[in-house]
PDB file of N, CA and C in Angstrom:
ATOM      1  N   MET A   1     170.416 141.157 -21.663  1.00  0.00           N
ATOM      2  CA  MET A   1     168.930 140.884 -21.581  1.00  0.00           C
ATOM      3  C   MET A   1     168.703 139.820 -20.657  1.00  0.00           C
ATOM      4  N   GLY A   2     167.838 140.358 -19.661  1.00  0.00           N
ATOM      5  CA  GLY A   2     167.500 139.256 -18.549  1.00  0.00           C
ATOM      6  C   GLY A   2     166.275 138.389 -18.840  1.00  0.00           C
ATOM      7  N   THR A   3     165.486 138.972 -19.683  1.00  0.00           N
ATOM      8  CA  THR A   3     164.211 138.339 -20.043  1.00  0.00           C
ATOM      9  C   THR A   3     164.624 137.328 -21.212  1.00  0.00           C
ATOM     10  N   PRO A   4     164.075 136.183 -20.981  1.00  0.00           N
ATOM     11  CA  PRO A   4     164.139 135.118 -22.179  1.00  0.00           C
ATOM     12  C   PRO A   4     163.612 135.613 -23.554  1.00  0.00           C
ATOM     13  N   VAL A   5     164.314 135.451 -24.676  1.00  0.00           N
ATOM     14  CA  VAL A   5     163.547 135.739 -25.938  1.00  0.00           C
ATOM     15  C   VAL A   5     162.977 134.476 -26.528  1.00  0.00           C
ATOM     16  N   GLU A   6     161.714 134.648 -26.925  1.00  0.00           N
ATOM     17  CA  GLU A   6     160.930 133.436 -27.751  1.00  0.00           C
ATOM     18  C   GLU A   6     161.162 133.709 -29.197  1.00  0.00           C
ATOM     19  N   VAL A   7     161.780 132.786 -29.738  1.00  0.00           N
ATOM     20  CA  VAL A   7     161.918 132.451 -30.990  1.00  0.00           C
ATOM     21  C   VAL A   7     160.957 131.590 -31.527  1.00  0.00           C
ATOM     22  N   ALA A   8     160.143 132.167 -32.377  1.00  0.00           N
ATOM     23  CA  ALA A   8     158.838 131.189 -32.879  1.00  0.00           C
ATOM     24  C   ALA A   8     159.344 130.398 -33.825  1.00  0.00           C
ATOM     25  N   ALA A   9     160.272 130.419 -34.931  1.00  0.00           N
ATOM     26  CA  ALA A   9     160.870 129.976 -35.885  1.00  0.00           C
ATOM     27  C   ALA A   9     162.055 130.460 -36.541  1.00  0.00           C
ATOM     28  N   LEU A  10     162.942 129.549 -37.154  1.00  0.00           N
ATOM     29  CA  LEU A  10     163.882 130.167 -37.893  1.00  0.00           C
ATOM     30  C   LEU A  10     163.604 129.815 -39.423  1.00  0.00           C
ATOM     31  N   ALA A  11     163.912 130.564 -40.455  1.00  0.00           N
ATOM     32  CA  ALA A  11     163.702 130.162 -41.743  1.00  0.00           C
ATOM     33  C   ALA A  11     164.880 130.406 -42.712  1.00  0.00           C
ATOM     34  N   LEU A  12     164.832 129.498 -43.797  1.00  0.00           N
ATOM     35  CA  LEU A  12     165.957 129.741 -44.764  1.00  0.00           C
ATOM     36  C   LEU A  12     165.295 129.447 -46.117  1.00  0.00           C
ATOM     37  N   ASN A  13     165.728 130.075 -47.168  1.00  0.00           N
ATOM     38  CA  ASN A  13     165.293 129.941 -48.493  1.00  0.00           C
ATOM     39  C   ASN A  13     166.447 129.214 -49.336  1.00  0.00           C
ATOM     40  N   VAL A  14     166.242 128.176 -50.130  1.00  0.00           N
ATOM     41  CA  VAL A  14     167.020 127.487 -50.843  1.00  0.00           C
ATOM     42  C   VAL A  14     166.542 127.542 -52.303  1.00  0.00           C
ATOM     43  N   ALA A  15     167.319 127.875 -53.265  1.00  0.00           N
ATOM     44  CA  ALA A  15     167.022 127.691 -54.691  1.00  0.00           C
ATOM     45  C   ALA A  15     166.993 126.237 -54.989  1.00  0.00           C
ATOM     46  N   ILE A  16     165.968 125.743 -55.841  1.00  0.00           N
ATOM     47  CA  ILE A  16     165.890 124.362 -56.260  1.00  0.00           C
ATOM     48  C   ILE A  16     166.967 124.295 -57.523  1.00  0.00           C
ATOM     49  N   PRO A  17     167.894 123.539 -57.538  1.00  0.00           N
ATOM     50  CA  PRO A  17     168.739 123.461 -58.813  1.00  0.00           C
ATOM     51  C   PRO A  17     167.897 122.885 -60.077  1.00  0.00           C
ATOM     52  N   GLU A  18     168.027 123.452 -61.250  1.00  0.00           N
ATOM     53  CA  GLU A  18     167.262 123.381 -62.349  1.00  0.00           C
ATOM     54  C   GLU A  18     166.977 121.846 -62.601  1.00  0.00           C
ATOM     55  N   HIS A  19     167.784 120.798 -62.379  1.00  0.00           N
ATOM     56  CA  HIS A  19     167.637 119.444 -62.610  1.00  0.00           C
ATOM     57  C   HIS A  19     166.770 118.917 -61.723  1.00  0.00           C
ATOM     58  N   LEU A  20     166.300 119.662 -60.429  1.00  0.00           N
ATOM     59  CA  LEU A  20     165.420 118.926 -59.539  1.00  0.00           C
ATOM     60  C   LEU A  20     164.165 119.730 -59.345  1.00  0.00           C
ATOM     61  N   ARG A  21     163.847 120.801 -60.150  1.00  0.00           N
ATOM     62  CA  ARG A  21     162.704 121.385 -60.250  1.00  0.00           C
ATOM     63  C   ARG A  21     161.412 120.516 -60.929  1.00  0.00           C
ATOM     64  N   TRP A  22     160.269 120.956 -60.441  1.00  0.00           N
ATOM     65  CA  TRP A  22     159.097 120.325 -60.968  1.00  0.00           C
ATOM     66  C   TRP A  22     158.103 121.089 -61.187  1.00  0.00           C
ATOM     67  N   GLU A  23     157.068 120.732 -61.693  1.00  0.00           N
ATOM     68  CA  GLU A  23     155.794 121.371 -62.052  1.00  0.00           C
ATOM     69  C   GLU A  23     154.730 120.945 -61.303  1.00  0.00           C
ATOM     70  N   ASP A  24     153.870 121.892 -60.759  1.00  0.00           N
ATOM     71  CA  ASP A  24     152.575 121.468 -60.164  1.00  0.00           C
ATOM     72  C   ASP A  24     151.419 122.496 -60.603  1.00  0.00           C
ATOM     73  N   GLU A  25     150.328 122.136 -60.536  1.00  0.00           N
ATOM     74  CA  GLU A  25     149.150 122.826 -60.847  1.00  0.00           C
ATOM     75  C   GLU A  25     148.220 123.615 -59.799  1.00  0.00           C
ATOM     76  N   ARG A  26     147.823 124.676 -60.009  1.00  0.00           N
ATOM     77  CA  ARG A  26     147.023 125.296 -58.915  1.00  0.00           C
ATOM     78  C   ARG A  26     145.911 126.161 -59.818  1.00  0.00           C
ATOM     79  N   ARG A  27     144.438 125.859 -59.549  1.00  0.00           N
ATOM     80  CA  ARG A  27     143.478 126.566 -60.153  1.00  0.00           C
ATOM     81  C   ARG A  27     143.557 126.480 -61.656  1.00  0.00           C
ATOM     82  N   GLY A  28     144.050 125.454 -62.293  1.00  0.00           N
ATOM     83  CA  GLY A  28     144.266 125.351 -63.776  1.00  0.00           C
ATOM     84  C   GLY A  28     145.357 126.000 -64.324  1.00  0.00           C
ATOM     85  N   GLU A  29     146.274 126.440 -63.297  1.00  0.00           N
ATOM     86  CA  GLU A  29     147.623 127.089 -63.954  1.00  0.00           C
ATOM     87  C   GLU A  29     148.929 126.219 -63.556  1.00  0.00           C
ATOM     88  N   ARG A  30     149.623 125.932 -64.518  1.00  0.00           N
ATOM     89  CA  ARG A  30     150.914 125.265 -64.045  1.00  0.00           C
ATOM     90  C   ARG A  30     151.938 126.167 -63.459  1.00  0.00           C
ATOM     91  N   PHE A  31     152.662 125.614 -62.575  1.00  0.00           N
ATOM     92  CA  PHE A  31     153.670 126.494 -61.868  1.00  0.00           C
ATOM     93  C   PHE A  31     154.969 125.561 -61.913  1.00  0.00           C
ATOM     94  N   GLN A  32     156.133 126.337 -62.320  1.00  0.00           N
ATOM     95  CA  GLN A  32     157.492 125.531 -61.981  1.00  0.00           C
ATOM     96  C   GLN A  32     157.898 126.145 -60.693  1.00  0.00           C
ATOM     97  N   LEU A  33     158.191 124.955 -59.744  1.00  0.00           N
ATOM     98  CA  LEU A  33     158.734 125.348 -58.377  1.00  0.00           C
ATOM     99  C   LEU A  33     160.223 125.521 -58.480  1.00  0.00           C
ATOM    100  N   GLN A  34     160.625 126.651 -58.001  1.00  0.00           N
ATOM    101  CA  GLN A  34     162.081 127.241 -58.033  1.00  0.00           C
ATOM    102  C   GLN A  34     162.741 127.326 -56.834  1.00  0.00           C
ATOM    103  N   SER A  35     162.084 127.384 -55.672  1.00  0.00           N
ATOM    104  CA  SER A  35     162.763 127.550 -54.228  1.00  0.00           C
ATOM    105  C   SER A  35     161.964 126.798 -53.099  1.00  0.00           C
ATOM    106  N   ILE A  36     162.763 126.510 -52.261  1.00  0.00           N
ATOM    107  CA  ILE A  36     161.919 125.903 -50.897  1.00  0.00           C
ATOM    108  C   ILE A  36     162.260 126.818 -49.653  1.00  0.00           C
ATOM    109  N   THR A  37     161.142 127.128 -48.912  1.00  0.00           N
ATOM    110  CA  THR A  37     161.498 127.762 -47.593  1.00  0.00           C
ATOM    111  C   THR A  37     161.318 126.821 -46.516  1.00  0.00           C
ATOM    112  N   VAL A  38     162.270 126.663 -45.822  1.00  0.00           N
ATOM    113  CA  VAL A  38     162.402 125.659 -44.728  1.00  0.00           C
ATOM    114  C   VAL A  38     162.445 126.300 -43.455  1.00  0.00           C
ATOM    115  N   ARG A  39     161.568 125.906 -42.423  1.00  0.00           N
ATOM    116  CA  ARG A  39     161.282 126.698 -41.081  1.00  0.00           C
ATOM    117  C   ARG A  39     161.774 125.554 -40.152  1.00  0.00           C
ATOM    118  N   LEU A  40     162.633 125.972 -39.115  1.00  0.00           N
ATOM    119  CA  LEU A  40     163.009 125.194 -38.000  1.00  0.00           C
ATOM    120  C   LEU A  40     161.953 125.629 -36.948  1.00  0.00           C
ATOM    121  N   LEU A  41     161.002 124.598 -36.505  1.00  0.00           N
ATOM    122  CA  LEU A  41     160.156 124.954 -35.651  1.00  0.00           C
ATOM    123  C   LEU A  41     160.689 124.730 -34.254  1.00  0.00           C
ATOM    124  N   PRO A  42     160.102 125.381 -33.275  1.00  0.00           N
ATOM    125  CA  PRO A  42     160.571 125.336 -31.847  1.00  0.00           C
ATOM    126  C   PRO A  42     160.661 123.780 -31.216  1.00  0.00           C
ATOM    127  N   ASP A  43     160.060 122.912 -31.757  1.00  0.00           N
ATOM    128  CA  ASP A  43     160.384 121.409 -31.261  1.00  0.00           C
ATOM    129  C   ASP A  43     161.419 120.880 -32.072  1.00  0.00           C
ATOM    130  N   GLY A  44     162.125 121.495 -32.995  1.00  0.00           N
ATOM    131  CA  GLY A  44     163.220 120.889 -33.677  1.00  0.00           C
ATOM    132  C   GLY A  44     163.022 120.103 -34.842  1.00  0.00           C
ATOM    133  N   SER A  45     161.461 120.262 -35.352  1.00  0.00           N
ATOM    134  CA  SER A  45     161.170 119.622 -36.482  1.00  0.00           C
ATOM    135  C   SER A  45     161.227 120.655 -37.673  1.00  0.00           C
ATOM    136  N   LEU A  46     161.185 120.305 -38.861  1.00  0.00           N
ATOM    137  CA  LEU A  46     161.335 121.167 -39.929  1.00  0.00           C
ATOM    138  C   LEU A  46     160.020 121.189 -40.791  1.00  0.00           C
ATOM    139  N   ALA A  47     159.593 122.256 -41.372  1.00  0.00           N
ATOM    140  CA  ALA A  47     158.560 122.515 -42.071  1.00  0.00           C
ATOM    141  C   ALA A  47     158.944 123.002 -43.412  1.00  0.00           C
ATOM    142  N   ALA A  48     158.442 122.533 -44.578  1.00  0.00           N
ATOM    143  CA  ALA A  48     158.793 123.236 -45.839  1.00  0.00           C
ATOM    144  C   ALA A  48     157.945 123.376 -46.860  1.00  0.00           C
ATOM    145  N   LYS A  49     158.063 124.645 -47.663  1.00  0.00           N
ATOM    146  CA  LYS A  49     157.026 124.758 -48.496  1.00  0.00           C
ATOM    147  C   LYS A  49     157.799 125.108 -49.922  1.00  0.00           C
ATOM    148  N   ALA A  50     157.271 124.700 -50.994  1.00  0.00           N
ATOM    149  CA  ALA A  50     157.940 125.031 -52.484  1.00  0.00           C
ATOM    150  C   ALA A  50     157.199 126.137 -53.007  1.00  0.00           C
ATOM    151  N   TYR A  51     158.019 126.907 -53.717  1.00  0.00           N
ATOM    152  CA  TYR A  51     157.524 128.287 -54.400  1.00  0.00           C
ATOM    153  C   TYR A  51     157.701 128.284 -55.614  1.00  0.00           C
ATOM    154  N   GLY A  52     156.891 128.999 -56.716  1.00  0.00           N
ATOM    155  CA  GLY A  52     157.109 128.773 -57.864  1.00  0.00           C
ATOM    156  C   GLY A  52     156.391 129.807 -58.788  1.00  0.00           C
ATOM    157  N   ARG A  53     156.824 129.899 -59.912  1.00  0.00           N
ATOM    158  CA  ARG A  53     156.083 131.010 -60.819  1.00  0.00           C
ATOM    159  C   ARG A  53     155.477 130.192 -61.860  1.00  0.00           C
ATOM    160  N   PRO A  54     154.430 130.967 -62.538  1.00  0.00           N
ATOM    161  CA  PRO A  54     153.607 130.449 -63.507  1.00  0.00           C
ATOM    162  C   PRO A  54     154.590 129.909 -64.870  1.00  0.00           C
ATOM    163  N   VAL A  55     154.420 128.704 -65.495  1.00  0.00           N
ATOM    164  CA  VAL A  55     155.265 128.194 -66.499  1.00  0.00           C
ATOM    165  C   VAL A  55     154.668 129.225 -67.606  1.00  0.00           C
ATOM    166  N   ALA A  56     153.619 129.810 -68.023  1.00  0.00           N
ATOM    167  CA  ALA A  56     153.304 130.498 -68.956  1.00  0.00           C
ATOM    168  C   ALA A  56     153.899 131.943 -69.009  1.00  0.00           C
ATOM    169  N   GLY A  57     154.430 132.102 -67.964  1.00  0.00           N
ATOM    170  CA  GLY A  57     155.029 133.406 -67.681  1.00  0.00           C
ATOM    171  C   GLY A  57     154.053 134.474 -67.115  1.00  0.00           C
ATOM    172  N   GLY A  58     154.376 135.633 -67.219  1.00  0.00           N
ATOM    173  CA  GLY A  58     153.565 136.821 -66.956  1.00  0.00           C
ATOM    174  C   GLY A  58     153.776 137.043 -65.539  1.00  0.00           C
ATOM    175  N   ARG A  59     153.049 138.096 -64.887  1.00  0.00           N
ATOM    176  CA  ARG A  59     153.081 138.648 -63.630  1.00  0.00           C
ATOM    177  C   ARG A  59     152.326 137.592 -62.595  1.00  0.00           C
ATOM    178  N   GLY A  60     152.143 136.355 -62.819  1.00  0.00           N
ATOM    179  CA  GLY A  60     151.446 135.679 -61.897  1.00  0.00           C
ATOM    180  C   GLY A  60     152.086 135.607 -60.375  1.00  0.00           C
ATOM    181  N   ALA A  61     151.124 135.338 -59.521  1.00  0.00           N
ATOM    182  CA  ALA A  61     151.683 135.186 -58.151  1.00  0.00           C
ATOM    183  C   ALA A  61     152.818 134.119 -57.736  1.00  0.00           C
ATOM    184  N   TYR A  62     153.623 134.460 -56.763  1.00  0.00           N
ATOM    185  CA  TYR A  62     154.586 133.479 -56.489  1.00  0.00           C
ATOM    186  C   TYR A  62     153.664 132.653 -55.324  1.00  0.00           C
ATOM    187  N   VAL A  63     153.425 131.309 -55.735  1.00  0.00           N
ATOM    188  CA  VAL A  63     152.535 130.506 -54.948  1.00  0.00           C
ATOM    189  C   VAL A  63     153.165 129.354 -54.395  1.00  0.00           C
ATOM    190  N   SER A  64     152.749 128.956 -53.177  1.00  0.00           N
ATOM    191  CA  SER A  64     153.291 127.881 -52.484  1.00  0.00           C
ATOM    192  C   SER A  64     152.620 126.451 -52.627  1.00  0.00           C
ATOM    193  N   PHE A  65     153.440 125.546 -52.519  1.00  0.00           N
ATOM    194  CA  PHE A  65     153.006 124.162 -52.930  1.00  0.00           C
ATOM    195  C   PHE A  65     153.815 123.205 -51.760  1.00  0.00           C
ATOM    196  N   ALA A  66     153.141 122.145 -51.620  1.00  0.00           N
ATOM    197  CA  ALA A  66     153.729 121.031 -50.814  1.00  0.00           C
ATOM    198  C   ALA A  66     155.189 120.581 -51.506  1.00  0.00           C
ATOM    199  N   VAL A  67     156.178 120.342 -50.773  1.00  0.00           N
ATOM    200  CA  VAL A  67     157.405 120.103 -51.381  1.00  0.00           C
ATOM    201  C   VAL A  67     157.328 118.609 -51.795  1.00  0.00           C
ATOM    202  N   ARG A  68     157.723 118.340 -52.779  1.00  0.00           N
ATOM    203  CA  ARG A  68     157.829 116.998 -53.558  1.00  0.00           C
ATOM    204  C   ARG A  68     158.985 116.220 -52.869  1.00  0.00           C
ATOM    205  N   ARG A  69     158.481 114.943 -52.087  1.00  0.00           N
ATOM    206  CA  ARG A  69     159.556 114.157 -51.449  1.00  0.00           C
ATOM    207  C   ARG A  69     160.231 113.330 -52.295  1.00  0.00           C
ATOM    208  N   SER A  70     161.534 113.176 -52.215  1.00  0.00           N
ATOM    209  CA  SER A  70     162.528 112.468 -52.931  1.00  0.00           C
ATOM    210  C   SER A  70     163.786 112.361 -52.286  1.00  0.00           C
ATOM    211  N   PRO A  71     164.691 111.563 -52.377  1.00  0.00           N
ATOM    212  CA  PRO A  71     165.923 111.494 -51.630  1.00  0.00           C
ATOM    213  C   PRO A  71     166.747 112.584 -52.168  1.00  0.00           C
ATOM    214  N   GLU A  72     166.481 113.044 -53.370  1.00  0.00           N
ATOM    215  CA  GLU A  72     167.350 114.262 -53.813  1.00  0.00           C
ATOM    216  C   GLU A  72     166.843 115.516 -53.310  1.00  0.00           C
ATOM    217  N   ILE A  73     165.621 115.796 -53.128  1.00  0.00           N
ATOM    218  CA  ILE A  73     164.969 116.953 -52.467  1.00  0.00           C
ATOM    219  C   ILE A  73     165.182 117.001 -50.954  1.00  0.00           C
ATOM    220  N   ASP A  74     164.949 115.740 -50.325  1.00  0.00           N
ATOM    221  CA  ASP A  74     165.418 115.758 -48.966  1.00  0.00           C
ATOM    222  C   ASP A  74     166.886 115.985 -48.738  1.00  0.00           C
ATOM    223  N   ALA A  75     167.653 115.636 -49.456  1.00  0.00           N
ATOM    224  CA  ALA A  75     169.257 115.935 -49.183  1.00  0.00           C
ATOM    225  C   ALA A  75     169.321 117.299 -49.618  1.00  0.00           C
ATOM    226  N   LEU A  76     168.827 117.978 -50.505  1.00  0.00           N
ATOM    227  CA  LEU A  76     168.907 119.306 -50.640  1.00  0.00           C
ATOM    228  C   LEU A  76     168.548 120.292 -49.324  1.00  0.00           C
ATOM    229  N   ILE A  77     167.284 119.913 -48.708  1.00  0.00           N
ATOM    230  CA  ILE A  77     167.141 120.475 -47.688  1.00  0.00           C
ATOM    231  C   ILE A  77     167.905 120.362 -46.455  1.00  0.00           C
ATOM    232  N   GLU A  78     168.341 119.007 -46.263  1.00  0.00           N
ATOM    233  CA  GLU A  78     169.390 118.731 -45.469  1.00  0.00           C
ATOM    234  C   GLU A  78     170.587 119.537 -45.450  1.00  0.00           C
ATOM    235  N   SER A  79     171.151 119.667 -46.540  1.00  0.00           N
ATOM    236  CA  SER A  79     172.244 120.310 -46.930  1.00  0.00           C
ATOM    237  C   SER A  79     172.003 122.040 -46.736  1.00  0.00           C
ATOM    238  N   ALA A  80     170.894 122.312 -47.080  1.00  0.00           N
ATOM    239  CA  ALA A  80     170.535 123.803 -46.718  1.00  0.00           C
ATOM    240  C   ALA A  80     170.656 124.120 -45.316  1.00  0.00           C
ATOM    241  N   ALA A  81     169.966 123.176 -44.488  1.00  0.00           N
ATOM    242  CA  ALA A  81     169.819 123.402 -43.127  1.00  0.00           C
ATOM    243  C   ALA A  81     171.209 123.330 -42.576  1.00  0.00           C
ATOM    244  N   GLN A  82     172.217 122.358 -42.859  1.00  0.00           N
ATOM    245  CA  GLN A  82     173.391 122.422 -42.313  1.00  0.00           C
ATOM    246  C   GLN A  82     174.334 123.639 -42.710  1.00  0.00           C
ATOM    247  N   ALA A  83     173.928 124.160 -43.743  1.00  0.00           N
ATOM    248  CA  ALA A  83     174.734 125.407 -44.212  1.00  0.00           C
ATOM    249  C   ALA A  83     174.159 126.617 -43.516  1.00  0.00           C
ATOM    250  N   ALA A  84     172.935 126.570 -43.353  1.00  0.00           N
ATOM    251  CA  ALA A  84     172.401 127.608 -42.480  1.00  0.00           C
ATOM    252  C   ALA A  84     172.914 127.534 -40.957  1.00  0.00           C
ATOM    253  N   ALA A  85     173.003 126.409 -40.604  1.00  0.00           N
ATOM    254  CA  ALA A  85     173.371 126.234 -39.094  1.00  0.00           C
ATOM    255  C   ALA A  85     174.706 126.842 -38.995  1.00  0.00           C
ATOM    256  N   SER A  86     175.665 126.453 -40.055  1.00  0.00           N
ATOM    257  CA  SER A  86     176.972 126.988 -40.077  1.00  0.00           C
ATOM    258  C   SER A  86     177.105 128.450 -39.995  1.00  0.00           C
ATOM    259  N   ARG A  87     176.415 128.991 -40.784  1.00  0.00           N
ATOM    260  CA  ARG A  87     176.363 130.494 -41.095  1.00  0.00           C
ATOM    261  C   ARG A  87     175.900 131.057 -39.740  1.00  0.00           C
ATOM    262  N   TRP A  88     174.949 130.497 -39.069  1.00  0.00           N
ATOM    263  CA  TRP A  88     174.330 131.106 -37.842  1.00  0.00           C
ATOM    264  C   TRP A  88     175.588 131.074 -36.710  1.00  0.00           C
ATOM    265  N   ALA A  89     176.172 129.831 -36.820  1.00  0.00           N
ATOM    266  CA  ALA A  89     177.187 129.819 -35.820  1.00  0.00           C
ATOM    267  C   ALA A  89     178.413 130.555 -35.874  1.00  0.00           C
ATOM    268  N   THR A  90     178.517 131.085 -37.013  1.00  0.00           N
ATOM    269  CA  THR A  90     179.774 132.016 -37.171  1.00  0.00           C
ATOM    270  C   THR A  90     179.226 133.323 -37.778  1.00  0.00           C
ATOM    271  N   ASN A  91     178.026 133.766 -37.366  1.00  0.00           N
ATOM    272  CA  ASN A  91     177.569 135.122 -37.575  1.00  0.00           C
ATOM    273  C   ASN A  91     178.535 136.121 -36.951  1.00  0.00           C
ATOM    274  N   THR A  92     178.648 137.359 -37.438  1.00  0.00           N
ATOM    275  CA  THR A  92     179.485 138.293 -37.053  1.00  0.00           C
ATOM    276  C   THR A  92     178.617 139.633 -36.323  1.00  0.00           C
ATOM    277  N   GLY A  93     177.348 139.238 -36.173  1.00  0.00           N
ATOM    278  CA  GLY A  93     176.437 140.183 -35.369  1.00  0.00           C
ATOM    279  C   GLY A  93     176.020 141.500 -36.454  1.00  0.00           C
ATOM    280  N   LEU A  94     175.232 142.323 -35.788  1.00  0.00           N
ATOM    281  CA  LEU A  94     174.781 143.241 -36.646  1.00  0.00           C
ATOM    282  C   LEU A  94     175.723 144.330 -37.189  1.00  0.00           C
TER     283      LEU A  94
END
């Protein structure tokens, strides 16, 4: 390919271990946060959103929330980013 490829962002999904999960509320409904989507932006910074399901169960939407900052959550994101970088570096192609 002679034309440069523009990559807008790279993303990875990481499961939040049970002991690090937390709850948050949206429109009067409680959600348990179960995963984090991390995006590597073109400037090298990371953006992250947590996703969860209603605590009451049912077919509620999978809703995004701000990621709770803590040393444990930050370490989880850092470890996930390092694991993803390793996988990208050793990919075997399509």
